[in-house]
Amino acid sequence: MYEQVKKPKENKSRSVANSVIQKKSSGKRSIVFHDNTPQFVITDNRSSTIQKARFEKPNQALSRHVSQLQEREKIISHDDAKREWLKLNKPTYTVSGKYKTDHVLDTITQSTARQASIERFKQDGKPDQASARWNLMTWTECKEDKLKNKANGSDNTGKMANVFRGKQQLTTKLSNIKSRTVTPVSLTFNESKQYEHEVLRKSNGEKIYIQFQVAAETKDTIYGVGEWKVKDKEADIYHYGANPAANEMKAEYRKWIVDGEDIIRPA
């Protein structure tokens, strides 16, 4: 009723090979595909649920190093912030009206410097202030255009940042400026009989005796101080001042994007 069909003969060498593989695999069959190229490896182990695909570049150490460097926001130091902003936004200088009225004369003889200091002393209300608050006054023949040229051509290493009354300021070193300084000194009535002096009055009518000591003319380094509009690329010379001992940048200007040790751009 049923036709008998002959079973095809199995290849003996293949049968033997299969039996060897099955014994070595401890009853669990594993299939492994290998690509002979050195860049691509895929492993499929059916005894587990893990499948791996890995692409390896020739320089594996460099690849791992680069992958670890990621851009991030960082608060950088005051020194670094000043340096990076000066490189990124080199400021153009202006000279304020106060600088011109408080510091510039056509000529700075002893007489002109002394007279200008007396007028400024009275205008600033100094007679009503304690003598400890009387500052020396500096006068120069360095006009606005010359001063701007010096400032715009100055090296960044001669610039210091500071914060005054919540505003970012920049102090700029200006070399070889011809100037005179005048120092007001309070005298007693008896001392006033011995020294040249000016008699001024306080707002209450009280007399005070002031000697205005005029220093010899010098060519020296001065420090121009004024507001620094960091993002607008502007800096103002408002007056002369002392060079700050250390840089100080407002917090908003210290936020930068870094990549490892590299400072990339403002945050």
Protein backbone atom coordinates (compact mmCIF):
# COMPACT_ATOMS: atom_id res chain seq x y z
CA MET A 1 0.00 0.00 0.00
CA TYR A 2 2.87 2.36 0.72
CA GLU A 3 5.78 2.72 -1.66
CA GLN A 4 9.13 2.20 -0.08
CA VAL A 5 11.57 5.06 -0.57
CA LYS A 6 15.27 4.65 -0.12
CA LYS A 7 16.88 6.94 2.44
CA PRO A 8 19.79 8.84 0.88
CA LYS A 9 23.18 8.04 2.27
CA GLU A 10 24.68 10.60 4.57
CA ASN A 11 28.15 11.90 3.93
CA LYS A 12 30.24 10.13 6.51
CA SER A 13 32.90 12.79 6.84
CA ARG A 14 30.28 15.44 7.45
CA SER A 15 28.53 13.24 10.04
CA VAL A 16 31.75 12.75 11.94
CA ALA A 17 32.53 16.45 11.94
CA ASN A 18 29.09 17.31 13.26
CA SER A 19 29.38 14.81 16.08
CA VAL A 20 32.70 16.32 17.15
CA ILE A 21 31.26 19.85 17.18
CA GLN A 22 28.26 18.76 19.20
CA LYS A 23 30.40 17.05 21.82
CA LYS A 24 32.66 20.09 22.27
CA SER A 25 29.77 22.48 22.62
CA SER A 26 28.40 20.57 25.65
CA GLY A 27 25.02 20.21 24.00
CA LYS A 28 24.60 23.98 23.22
CA ARG A 29 24.99 25.01 19.66
CA SER A 30 26.95 28.23 18.97
CA ILE A 31 27.22 30.06 15.68
CA VAL A 32 30.08 32.48 15.18
CA PHE A 33 30.57 34.70 12.14
CA HIS A 34 34.03 36.21 11.56
CA ASP A 35 34.87 38.96 9.12
CA ASN A 36 38.56 38.78 8.25
CA THR A 37 38.86 42.56 8.01
CA PRO A 38 40.43 44.07 11.17
CA GLN A 39 37.80 46.81 11.55
CA PHE A 40 34.57 44.83 11.92
CA VAL A 41 33.64 42.08 14.35
CA ILE A 42 30.16 40.63 15.01
CA THR A 43 29.52 37.89 17.54
CA ASP A 44 26.22 36.06 17.86
CA ASN A 45 26.14 33.61 20.72
CA ARG A 46 22.81 31.86 20.82
CA SER A 47 23.53 30.49 24.30
CA SER A 48 23.03 34.06 25.62
CA THR A 49 20.86 37.05 24.78
CA ILE A 50 23.84 39.43 24.32
CA GLN A 51 24.71 40.56 20.83
CA LYS A 52 27.71 42.80 20.29
CA ALA A 53 28.73 45.00 17.39
CA ARG A 54 31.98 46.91 17.65
CA PHE A 55 33.71 49.24 15.20
CA GLU A 56 37.32 49.90 16.05
CA LYS A 57 39.46 52.62 14.51
CA PRO A 58 43.13 52.04 13.82
CA ASN A 59 44.29 54.24 16.68
CA GLN A 60 42.07 52.93 19.47
CA ALA A 61 43.84 54.85 22.28
CA LEU A 62 43.38 58.20 20.51
CA SER A 63 39.75 57.38 19.76
CA ARG A 64 38.99 56.67 23.40
CA HIS A 65 40.75 59.86 24.48
CA VAL A 66 38.82 62.03 22.02
CA SER A 67 35.51 60.48 23.03
CA GLN A 68 36.14 61.43 26.65
CA LEU A 69 36.60 65.14 25.84
CA GLN A 70 33.20 66.76 26.01
CA GLU A 71 32.28 70.42 25.96
CA ARG A 72 30.93 71.72 29.25
CA GLU A 73 30.30 75.00 31.04
CA LYS A 74 32.89 76.12 33.56
CA ILE A 75 33.60 79.15 35.75
CA ILE A 76 37.14 80.05 34.72
CA SER A 77 39.62 82.13 36.71
CA HIS A 78 39.63 85.94 36.74
CA ASP A 79 42.98 85.97 34.93
CA ASP A 80 41.80 83.57 32.23
CA ALA A 81 38.53 85.46 31.76
CA LYS A 82 40.31 88.79 31.28
CA ARG A 83 42.79 87.28 28.83
CA GLU A 84 40.16 85.45 26.78
CA TRP A 85 37.81 88.43 26.52
CA LEU A 86 40.64 90.74 25.43
CA LYS A 87 41.56 88.24 22.71
CA LEU A 88 37.96 87.73 21.62
CA ASN A 89 36.71 91.34 21.85
CA LYS A 90 39.64 93.73 21.65
CA PRO A 91 38.26 97.03 22.99
CA THR A 92 38.37 100.37 21.23
CA TYR A 93 39.07 103.21 23.65
CA THR A 94 37.23 106.47 24.18
CA VAL A 95 38.22 109.33 26.49
CA SER A 96 35.55 110.75 28.77
CA GLY A 97 34.85 114.42 29.40
CA LYS A 98 35.84 114.07 33.04
CA TYR A 99 39.32 112.94 32.07
CA LYS A 100 39.75 115.98 29.85
CA THR A 101 38.56 118.47 32.49
CA ASP A 102 40.31 116.85 35.45
CA HIS A 103 43.65 115.92 33.93
CA VAL A 104 44.53 117.73 30.68
CA LEU A 105 46.20 121.14 30.35
CA ASP A 106 47.69 122.84 27.31
CA THR A 107 50.93 123.25 29.26
CA ILE A 108 51.87 121.82 32.65
CA THR A 109 54.09 124.42 34.22
CA GLN A 110 54.20 124.73 38.00
CA SER A 111 51.89 127.72 37.82
CA THR A 112 49.25 126.20 35.51
CA ALA A 113 49.21 122.88 37.41
CA ARG A 114 48.85 124.68 40.76
CA GLN A 115 46.04 126.96 39.60
CA ALA A 116 44.14 124.12 37.92
CA SER A 117 44.42 122.08 41.14
CA ILE A 118 43.00 124.89 43.28
CA GLU A 119 39.97 125.22 40.99
CA ARG A 120 39.40 121.47 40.89
CA PHE A 121 39.80 121.24 44.68
CA LYS A 122 37.01 123.77 45.19
CA GLN A 123 34.74 122.27 42.52
CA ASP A 124 34.99 118.81 44.10
CA GLY A 125 33.93 120.18 47.49
CA LYS A 126 37.21 119.16 49.12
CA PRO A 127 37.32 122.03 51.67
CA ASP A 128 34.40 120.40 53.53
CA GLN A 129 36.08 116.97 53.55
CA ALA A 130 38.64 115.65 55.99
CA SER A 131 42.18 116.07 54.75
CA ALA A 132 42.64 112.28 54.73
CA ARG A 133 40.29 112.23 51.71
CA TRP A 134 42.28 114.77 49.72
CA ASN A 135 43.83 112.96 46.80
CA LEU A 136 46.78 114.12 44.76
CA MET A 137 45.91 115.48 41.31
CA THR A 138 47.69 114.53 38.10
CA TRP A 139 47.95 116.81 35.08
CA THR A 140 49.24 116.02 31.63
CA GLU A 141 49.64 117.57 28.21
CA CYS A 142 48.62 114.25 26.62
CA LYS A 143 45.55 115.20 24.58
CA GLU A 144 42.60 112.94 23.75
CA ASP A 145 43.77 111.65 20.36
CA LYS A 146 47.26 110.86 21.58
CA LEU A 147 45.92 109.13 24.66
CA LYS A 148 43.50 107.00 22.60
CA ASN A 149 46.29 105.99 20.23
CA LYS A 150 48.45 104.92 23.14
CA ALA A 151 45.63 102.94 24.72
CA ASN A 152 44.50 101.27 21.49
CA GLY A 153 48.08 100.25 20.74
CA SER A 154 48.85 98.99 24.23
CA ASP A 155 49.67 95.35 24.91
CA ASN A 156 47.10 93.19 26.70
CA THR A 157 49.67 92.26 29.34
CA GLY A 158 49.54 95.87 30.55
CA LYS A 159 45.79 95.73 31.22
CA MET A 160 44.13 94.77 34.48
CA ALA A 161 40.44 94.15 35.17
CA ASN A 162 38.55 95.24 38.26
CA VAL A 163 34.96 95.78 39.40
CA PHE A 164 33.87 99.14 40.83
CA ARG A 165 30.33 99.79 42.08
CA GLY A 166 29.04 96.79 40.16
CA LYS A 167 30.59 97.82 36.84
CA GLN A 168 33.37 96.06 35.00
CA GLN A 169 36.42 98.27 34.63
CA LEU A 170 39.69 98.05 32.75
CA THR A 171 42.93 99.67 33.86
CA THR A 172 45.37 100.32 31.02
CA LYS A 173 49.09 100.94 31.40
CA LEU A 174 50.20 104.04 29.47
CA SER A 175 53.93 104.57 29.23
CA ASN A 176 56.05 107.67 28.70
CA ILE A 177 53.39 110.24 29.61
CA LYS A 178 54.61 113.74 30.51
CA SER A 179 52.82 114.81 33.68
CA ARG A 180 52.88 116.68 36.97
CA THR A 181 51.24 115.78 40.24
CA VAL A 182 49.90 118.25 42.79
CA THR A 183 49.37 117.27 46.42
CA PRO A 184 47.11 119.37 48.70
CA VAL A 185 48.41 119.66 52.30
CA SER A 186 46.51 121.12 55.23
CA LEU A 187 48.41 123.74 57.28
CA THR A 188 47.80 125.17 60.71
CA PHE A 189 47.51 128.91 61.11
CA ASN A 190 51.11 129.13 62.39
CA GLU A 191 52.40 126.95 59.54
CA SER A 192 50.60 129.15 57.04
CA LYS A 193 52.91 132.02 58.08
CA GLN A 194 55.93 130.00 56.89
CA TYR A 195 54.76 128.47 53.61
CA GLU A 196 53.10 129.62 50.45
CA HIS A 197 49.47 128.62 50.66
CA GLU A 198 45.86 129.29 49.67
CA VAL A 199 43.18 130.42 52.07
CA LEU A 200 39.92 128.64 51.30
CA ARG A 201 36.63 128.53 53.15
CA LYS A 202 34.38 125.68 54.12
CA SER A 203 30.65 125.96 53.42
CA ASN A 204 30.15 127.22 57.01
CA GLY A 205 32.58 130.10 56.43
CA GLU A 206 35.51 128.58 58.38
CA LYS A 207 38.94 129.37 56.93
CA ILE A 208 41.35 126.60 56.01
CA TYR A 209 44.96 126.93 54.89
CA ILE A 210 46.08 124.69 52.03
CA GLN A 211 49.47 124.31 50.46
CA PHE A 212 49.43 122.87 46.92
CA GLN A 213 52.74 121.09 46.45
CA VAL A 214 53.62 120.82 42.75
CA ALA A 215 56.00 118.04 41.80
CA ALA A 216 58.57 118.30 39.06
CA GLU A 217 57.55 117.35 35.55
CA THR A 218 58.16 113.71 34.73
CA LYS A 219 57.74 111.25 31.88
CA ASP A 220 56.35 108.25 33.58
CA THR A 221 53.88 105.38 33.43
CA ILE A 222 50.31 106.17 34.37
CA TYR A 223 47.24 103.96 34.51
CA GLY A 224 44.08 105.01 32.71
CA VAL A 225 40.93 103.66 34.36
CA GLY A 226 37.37 103.45 33.08
CA GLU A 227 34.35 101.30 32.33
CA TRP A 228 34.91 98.24 30.15
CA LYS A 229 31.90 97.22 28.05
CA VAL A 230 33.19 93.74 27.41
CA LYS A 231 30.65 92.49 24.88
CA ASP A 232 30.43 95.85 23.08
CA LYS A 233 34.22 95.95 22.55
CA GLU A 234 34.51 99.36 24.24
CA ALA A 235 36.66 100.76 27.03
CA ASP A 236 36.66 104.25 28.48
CA ILE A 237 39.46 106.25 30.06
CA TYR A 238 37.74 108.15 32.85
CA HIS A 239 40.59 109.06 35.16
CA TYR A 240 44.02 108.04 36.37
CA GLY A 241 44.33 105.46 39.09
CA ALA A 242 46.50 102.86 40.73
CA ASN A 243 47.08 99.56 38.97
CA PRO A 244 44.97 96.81 40.65
CA ALA A 245 46.93 94.16 42.52
CA ALA A 246 44.91 91.34 40.91
CA ASN A 247 42.35 90.86 38.15
CA GLU A 248 38.67 90.79 39.01
CA MET A 249 35.98 89.90 36.46
CA LYS A 250 32.23 89.92 37.04
CA ALA A 251 30.68 86.46 37.34
CA GLU A 252 28.81 86.77 34.04
CA TYR A 253 32.11 87.09 32.17
CA ARG A 254 33.67 84.02 33.79
CA LYS A 255 31.21 81.49 32.34
CA TRP A 256 32.86 79.77 29.39
CA ILE A 257 32.50 76.55 27.42
CA VAL A 258 35.58 74.37 27.81
CA ASP A 259 36.73 71.17 26.15
CA GLY A 260 39.15 69.42 28.47
CA GLU A 261 41.79 72.06 29.24
CA ASP A 262 40.85 74.19 26.22
CA ILE A 263 38.75 77.34 26.69
CA ILE A 264 36.44 77.39 23.68
CA ARG A 265 33.87 80.22 23.79
CA PRO A 266 31.69 82.25 26.19
CA ALA A 267 28.75 80.35 27.62
